[in-house]
Every structure is written in C-alpha cells, then in structure tokens.
N, C-alpha and C. Protein backbone atom coordinates (compact mmCIF):
# COMPACT_ATOMS: atom_id res chain seq x y z
N MET A 1 46.17 -86.49 -72.10
CA MET A 1 44.91 -86.39 -72.41
C MET A 1 44.59 -85.13 -71.73
N THR A 2 44.01 -84.40 -71.69
CA THR A 2 43.34 -83.22 -70.93
C THR A 2 42.08 -82.96 -70.91
N ASN A 3 40.77 -81.95 -69.83
CA ASN A 3 39.76 -82.22 -70.45
C ASN A 3 39.22 -80.86 -70.92
N THR A 4 40.11 -80.76 -71.77
CA THR A 4 39.30 -79.75 -72.63
C THR A 4 38.10 -79.59 -73.49
N PRO A 5 37.59 -79.01 -73.51
CA PRO A 5 35.79 -79.19 -74.03
C PRO A 5 35.63 -79.54 -75.25
N GLU A 6 35.18 -80.02 -75.96
CA GLU A 6 34.96 -81.05 -77.24
C GLU A 6 33.95 -80.11 -78.07
N SER A 7 33.71 -78.94 -77.36
CA SER A 7 32.51 -78.24 -78.76
C SER A 7 32.65 -77.03 -77.54
N TYR A 8 32.20 -75.64 -78.46
CA TYR A 8 31.74 -74.15 -78.03
C TYR A 8 30.48 -74.93 -76.95
N GLN A 9 29.88 -75.80 -77.19
CA GLN A 9 28.00 -76.32 -76.29
C GLN A 9 29.21 -76.57 -74.93
N SER A 10 30.21 -77.59 -74.77
CA SER A 10 30.96 -78.31 -73.59
C SER A 10 31.77 -76.66 -73.23
N PHE A 11 31.96 -76.09 -73.56
CA PHE A 11 32.83 -75.09 -73.27
C PHE A 11 32.02 -73.72 -72.10
N GLN A 12 30.56 -73.95 -73.00
CA GLN A 12 29.34 -73.27 -72.14
C GLN A 12 29.04 -73.20 -70.47
N GLU A 13 28.77 -75.16 -70.55
CA GLU A 13 28.72 -76.00 -70.10
C GLU A 13 29.37 -74.96 -68.59
N THR A 14 30.57 -75.60 -68.95
CA THR A 14 31.71 -75.06 -67.82
C THR A 14 31.37 -73.59 -66.84
N LEU A 15 31.44 -73.27 -67.44
CA LEU A 15 30.52 -71.60 -66.87
C LEU A 15 30.34 -71.76 -65.14
N GLY A 16 29.09 -72.97 -65.39
CA GLY A 16 29.24 -73.01 -63.79
C GLY A 16 29.97 -72.99 -62.75
N ASN A 17 30.88 -73.37 -63.03
CA ASN A 17 32.65 -73.75 -62.45
C ASN A 17 32.78 -72.39 -62.06
N ASP A 18 33.65 -72.70 -60.79
CA ASP A 18 33.94 -71.76 -60.02
C ASP A 18 35.67 -71.13 -60.90
N ARG A 19 36.12 -71.51 -61.63
CA ARG A 19 37.31 -71.98 -62.74
C ARG A 19 37.41 -72.96 -63.12
N PRO A 20 38.18 -72.54 -64.52
CA PRO A 20 38.59 -72.91 -65.83
C PRO A 20 39.79 -73.93 -65.44
N SER A 21 39.58 -75.11 -66.16
CA SER A 21 40.20 -75.62 -65.56
C SER A 21 42.24 -75.70 -65.81
N LYS A 22 42.85 -75.92 -65.14
CA LYS A 22 44.32 -75.28 -65.16
C LYS A 22 45.13 -76.35 -66.56
N ASP A 23 44.09 -77.75 -67.18
CA ASP A 23 44.45 -78.29 -67.76
C ASP A 23 44.49 -77.71 -69.36
N TRP A 24 43.76 -76.65 -69.26
CA TRP A 24 42.93 -76.31 -70.55
C TRP A 24 44.71 -75.78 -71.22
N PRO A 25 44.82 -75.21 -72.29
CA PRO A 25 45.08 -74.08 -72.77
C PRO A 25 45.24 -72.36 -72.23
N GLU A 26 45.86 -71.78 -71.74
CA GLU A 26 45.93 -70.00 -70.95
C GLU A 26 44.81 -69.16 -72.45
N ALA A 27 45.09 -69.97 -73.46
CA ALA A 27 44.26 -68.97 -74.04
C ALA A 27 42.56 -69.41 -73.80
N LEU A 28 42.38 -70.80 -74.17
CA LEU A 28 41.08 -71.29 -73.04
C LEU A 28 40.82 -70.47 -72.35
N GLN A 29 41.88 -71.08 -71.06
CA GLN A 29 41.27 -70.21 -69.79
C GLN A 29 40.88 -68.80 -70.22
N ALA A 30 41.51 -67.84 -70.82
CA ALA A 30 41.45 -66.25 -70.89
C ALA A 30 39.85 -65.93 -71.80
N LEU A 31 39.57 -66.98 -72.33
CA LEU A 31 38.14 -67.02 -72.90
C LEU A 31 36.80 -67.28 -71.79
N TRP A 32 37.37 -68.31 -70.89
CA TRP A 32 36.35 -68.43 -69.58
C TRP A 32 36.20 -66.95 -68.78
N HIS A 33 37.12 -66.61 -68.87
CA HIS A 33 37.44 -65.52 -67.94
C HIS A 33 35.94 -64.63 -68.47
N ASP A 34 36.63 -64.36 -69.97
CA ASP A 34 35.72 -63.01 -70.80
C ASP A 34 34.32 -63.34 -69.99
N ALA A 35 34.08 -64.81 -70.99
CA ALA A 35 32.61 -65.12 -70.88
C ALA A 35 32.57 -65.39 -69.51
N LYS A 36 32.61 -65.77 -68.30
CA LYS A 36 32.07 -64.94 -66.94
C LYS A 36 32.30 -63.72 -66.33
N GLY A 37 32.45 -63.41 -67.65
CA GLY A 37 32.38 -62.04 -67.19
C GLY A 37 32.97 -60.95 -66.29
N ASP A 38 34.69 -61.76 -66.35
CA ASP A 38 36.10 -60.83 -65.55
C ASP A 38 36.85 -60.48 -67.10
N TRP A 39 36.15 -59.43 -67.84
CA TRP A 39 37.26 -58.61 -68.76
C TRP A 39 38.60 -58.74 -68.03
N GLU A 40 39.19 -58.26 -66.86
CA GLU A 40 40.05 -58.08 -66.28
C GLU A 40 41.08 -59.72 -66.55
N ALA A 41 40.51 -60.07 -65.88
CA ALA A 41 41.25 -61.37 -65.72
C ALA A 41 41.54 -62.21 -67.10
N SER A 42 40.44 -61.99 -68.23
CA SER A 42 41.21 -62.14 -69.60
C SER A 42 41.85 -61.88 -69.90
N HIS A 43 42.06 -60.58 -69.91
CA HIS A 43 42.93 -59.28 -70.20
C HIS A 43 44.28 -60.02 -70.04
N ASN A 44 44.08 -60.06 -68.96
CA ASN A 44 45.36 -60.13 -67.61
C ASN A 44 46.47 -61.81 -68.60
N ILE A 45 45.10 -62.49 -68.48
CA ILE A 45 46.08 -63.96 -69.39
C ILE A 45 46.59 -63.13 -70.65
N ALA A 46 45.29 -63.05 -71.79
CA ALA A 46 45.56 -62.44 -72.92
C ALA A 46 47.56 -61.50 -73.41
N GLN A 47 47.65 -60.28 -72.47
CA GLN A 47 48.31 -59.23 -72.53
C GLN A 47 50.19 -60.70 -72.32
N ASP A 48 49.95 -61.73 -72.31
CA ASP A 48 51.00 -62.32 -71.37
C ASP A 48 51.29 -63.55 -72.62
N LEU A 49 50.51 -63.35 -73.36
CA LEU A 49 50.52 -64.07 -74.57
C LEU A 49 50.71 -63.66 -76.00
N HIS A 50 52.32 -64.51 -75.87
CA HIS A 50 52.67 -63.84 -77.08
C HIS A 50 52.76 -64.24 -78.48
N THR A 51 51.37 -64.96 -78.77
CA THR A 51 51.45 -65.89 -80.19
C THR A 51 50.40 -64.54 -80.92
N THR A 52 49.85 -65.60 -81.93
CA THR A 52 48.68 -64.99 -82.66
C THR A 52 47.39 -65.02 -82.05
N MET A 53 47.16 -65.78 -81.48
CA MET A 53 45.88 -66.19 -80.82
C MET A 53 46.29 -65.35 -79.39
N GLY A 54 46.94 -65.25 -78.84
CA GLY A 54 47.04 -63.92 -77.83
C GLY A 54 46.40 -62.95 -78.25
N SER A 55 47.44 -62.06 -79.68
CA SER A 55 47.09 -61.20 -79.79
C SER A 55 45.10 -61.04 -80.82
N TRP A 56 45.20 -61.72 -81.01
CA TRP A 56 43.52 -61.94 -81.55
C TRP A 56 42.37 -61.99 -80.34
N ILE A 57 42.79 -62.27 -79.09
CA ILE A 57 41.56 -62.47 -78.10
C ILE A 57 41.82 -61.16 -77.02
N HIS A 58 43.54 -60.37 -77.57
CA HIS A 58 43.44 -59.29 -77.51
C HIS A 58 42.55 -58.35 -78.13
N ALA A 59 43.13 -58.43 -79.36
CA ALA A 59 41.63 -57.92 -80.08
C ALA A 59 40.55 -57.90 -79.52
N TYR A 60 40.03 -58.78 -78.98
CA TYR A 60 38.89 -59.42 -79.12
C TYR A 60 38.38 -58.23 -77.75
N LEU A 61 39.66 -58.90 -76.99
CA LEU A 61 38.65 -57.84 -75.59
C LEU A 61 38.81 -56.65 -75.85
N HIS A 62 39.43 -55.76 -76.42
CA HIS A 62 39.51 -54.13 -77.15
C HIS A 62 38.91 -53.77 -77.57
N ARG A 63 38.09 -54.37 -78.77
CA ARG A 63 36.52 -54.26 -79.17
C ARG A 63 35.84 -54.17 -78.36
N LYS A 64 35.39 -55.00 -77.50
CA LYS A 64 34.38 -55.34 -76.13
C LYS A 64 34.39 -54.65 -75.73
N GLU A 65 35.70 -54.11 -75.07
CA GLU A 65 35.64 -52.78 -74.02
C GLU A 65 35.14 -51.45 -75.18
N GLY A 66 35.29 -51.10 -76.69
CA GLY A 66 34.77 -50.50 -77.29
C GLY A 66 36.06 -49.17 -77.37
N ASP A 67 37.19 -49.47 -77.16
CA ASP A 67 38.55 -49.22 -78.17
C ASP A 67 38.58 -49.76 -79.40
N LYS A 68 38.35 -49.19 -80.18
CA LYS A 68 38.04 -49.24 -81.73
C LYS A 68 39.91 -49.51 -82.07
N TRP A 69 40.36 -48.92 -81.73
CA TRP A 69 41.98 -47.62 -82.50
C TRP A 69 42.76 -48.97 -81.94
N ASN A 70 42.96 -49.62 -80.59
CA ASN A 70 43.36 -50.67 -79.80
C ASN A 70 43.44 -52.03 -80.22
N ALA A 71 42.04 -51.63 -80.64
CA ALA A 71 41.87 -53.21 -81.12
C ALA A 71 42.25 -53.78 -82.61
N GLY A 72 42.32 -52.33 -83.08
CA GLY A 72 42.05 -52.41 -84.32
C GLY A 72 43.78 -52.75 -84.91
N TYR A 73 44.39 -52.10 -84.04
CA TYR A 73 46.38 -52.53 -83.91
C TYR A 73 46.35 -54.29 -83.44
N TRP A 74 46.09 -54.65 -82.05
CA TRP A 74 46.28 -56.16 -82.19
C TRP A 74 45.22 -57.38 -83.61
N TYR A 75 44.23 -56.81 -84.02
CA TYR A 75 43.47 -57.42 -85.47
C TYR A 75 44.70 -57.40 -85.77
N ARG A 76 45.30 -56.78 -86.12
CA ARG A 76 46.94 -56.39 -87.32
C ARG A 76 47.62 -57.59 -86.69
N GLN A 77 47.98 -57.73 -85.48
CA GLN A 77 49.47 -57.95 -85.01
C GLN A 77 48.77 -59.76 -85.28
N ALA A 78 47.30 -59.87 -85.31
CA ALA A 78 47.14 -61.01 -85.32
C ALA A 78 46.88 -61.58 -86.83
N GLY A 79 46.95 -60.65 -87.52
CA GLY A 79 47.18 -60.81 -89.31
C GLY A 79 45.36 -60.87 -89.67
N LYS A 80 44.47 -60.86 -88.83
CA LYS A 80 43.11 -60.58 -88.43
C LYS A 80 42.18 -59.71 -89.08
N PRO A 81 41.14 -59.39 -89.83
CA PRO A 81 40.50 -58.43 -90.15
C PRO A 81 39.67 -58.21 -89.30
N PHE A 82 39.12 -56.79 -88.66
CA PHE A 82 38.56 -55.96 -87.93
C PHE A 82 37.38 -57.29 -87.78
N PRO A 83 36.83 -57.66 -87.18
CA PRO A 83 35.02 -58.27 -87.86
C PRO A 83 34.51 -57.92 -87.96
N ASP A 84 32.95 -58.02 -88.88
CA ASP A 84 31.87 -57.56 -89.00
C ASP A 84 31.06 -58.43 -88.74
N TYR A 85 30.42 -59.32 -87.91
CA TYR A 85 30.03 -59.84 -86.71
C TYR A 85 30.03 -59.85 -85.74
N SER A 86 29.40 -60.18 -85.01
CA SER A 86 28.93 -59.94 -83.27
C SER A 86 30.22 -60.40 -82.54
N LEU A 87 30.25 -59.80 -81.22
CA LEU A 87 30.94 -60.21 -80.41
C LEU A 87 30.73 -61.79 -79.09
N GLU A 88 29.63 -62.18 -80.08
CA GLU A 88 29.03 -63.79 -79.05
C GLU A 88 30.08 -64.31 -80.44
N GLU A 89 29.19 -64.22 -81.40
CA GLU A 89 29.81 -65.13 -82.45
C GLU A 89 31.38 -65.48 -82.92
N GLU A 90 31.80 -63.70 -81.99
CA GLU A 90 33.80 -64.14 -82.48
C GLU A 90 34.23 -64.86 -81.24
N LEU A 91 33.00 -64.41 -79.82
CA LEU A 91 33.84 -65.08 -78.98
C LEU A 91 33.67 -66.82 -79.21
N GLU A 92 32.71 -67.61 -79.60
CA GLU A 92 32.53 -68.98 -80.74
C GLU A 92 33.53 -69.31 -81.20
N VAL A 93 33.69 -67.91 -82.28
CA VAL A 93 35.17 -68.77 -83.76
C VAL A 93 36.38 -68.19 -82.62
N LEU A 94 36.20 -67.70 -81.63
CA LEU A 94 37.59 -68.17 -80.94
C LEU A 94 37.90 -69.14 -80.29
N VAL A 95 36.88 -69.85 -79.52
CA VAL A 95 36.65 -70.67 -78.59
C VAL A 95 36.86 -72.17 -79.76
N ASN A 96 36.30 -71.78 -80.58
CA ASN A 96 36.65 -73.35 -81.54
C ASN A 96 37.55 -73.05 -81.92
N SER A 97 38.42 -71.83 -82.51
CA SER A 97 39.68 -72.17 -82.98
C SER A 97 40.17 -72.92 -82.35
N ILE A 98 40.63 -72.50 -80.67
CA ILE A 98 41.35 -73.24 -79.94
C ILE A 98 40.95 -74.70 -79.46
N ILE A 99 40.12 -75.35 -79.42
CA ILE A 99 39.68 -76.35 -79.48
C ILE A 99 39.92 -77.38 -80.67
N ASN A 100 39.20 -76.59 -81.60
CA ASN A 100 40.05 -77.75 -83.40
C ASN A 100 41.37 -77.91 -83.46
N VAL A 101 42.37 -76.90 -82.94
CA VAL A 101 43.80 -76.86 -82.79
C VAL A 101 44.40 -78.05 -81.21
N GLN A 102 43.74 -78.84 -80.73
CA GLN A 102 44.03 -79.57 -79.60
C GLN A 102 44.35 -81.07 -80.51
C-alpha cells in the first residue's frame, strides 16, 4: 500500500511539501515536479521513462515549453492526439490517468 493520492485534489494538496513521496510511481513524481514549477526535474524523470506514459508526459512538457514539433513527436510515440485543451486540463488528465491505474 502506497500513499499515492486518491484524487487530483489530493495530489494538489501535496504541492506544499518539499518533495513528492518516493513511494509514488516515477510518472507521478515527474508531474509533481512540473506542478511545482520545476520543468527540468520533471523532464529529467520523463525522458528516462520508456513507457507510453513517459512519452505522454514528455509530450506535455514540450508542449508546455512551446516546442510544438517536439511535443508532436512525443504525442505520436504515446499514441495520443495533440490536445485541444489547456495545459492545466492536461495535467489533471495525466495525474488522473496515473492514479486510476494504481
């Protein structure tokens, strides 16, 4: 049993902490760093996740930095369409996707 958040709201409540829980999946840790404003730490984790979720997070991060071409590549790797909704909404979708697989 891990202390993985049970909802997006409970994920957001952890943002006051100094770091994410080491018990969390790496993908969720990456998103936590992004939500805290540390794009670089998030990207460092995401680029080492050789999974569909890692590719999706990588895509989201490059979309966030404004690199549409690179983001498009990673969305294709993840098998996801380029989103037509906000980055904030995508962060919530990503977090919920990880939480709901636990």
